[in-house]
C-alpha cells in the first residue's frame, strides 16, 4: 500500500533471495579420535546450516550423507573412520529456501 501511494520504502522486512553460499569452510583434525572440527563464515539469510560428509570422493554425488544440522557456524562431526580422508560441505537454509553448497573441505581423521 505504501509503495502504491508513491512513498519510498527504505528496506523490505525480509529478503526474497535464497541464502548465500557458505564461505571459508574449514575442516580440521580434532584432538579426539574419530572426530573432525568444521567451521565457516556467517552466511547472509541463514537460519540453519546442513552439513554433509563424504568418505569416498567429493566427485561421487551418491556418497554424500547428511551428518548434522546447526544454527551455529561450527560443528564437531563424530564417529568417523580413523586414518582416512573425509570431505565435508555445508549449505544454508533460510526462510526463502536452501542456498547452494559450499566449496568442499577435507581433513584426515586420527
Foldseek 3Di string as FASTA:
>chain_A
DCVVVPDDDPDDPDDLDWKEEWADWEWAEDPDFQKIKIFTDDIPQFQKKWKWKAQPDPVPVVRTDTQDMDRHRMDMGGDHDAQGKMKMWMWGAHPNGIYDIYDIYIDHYD
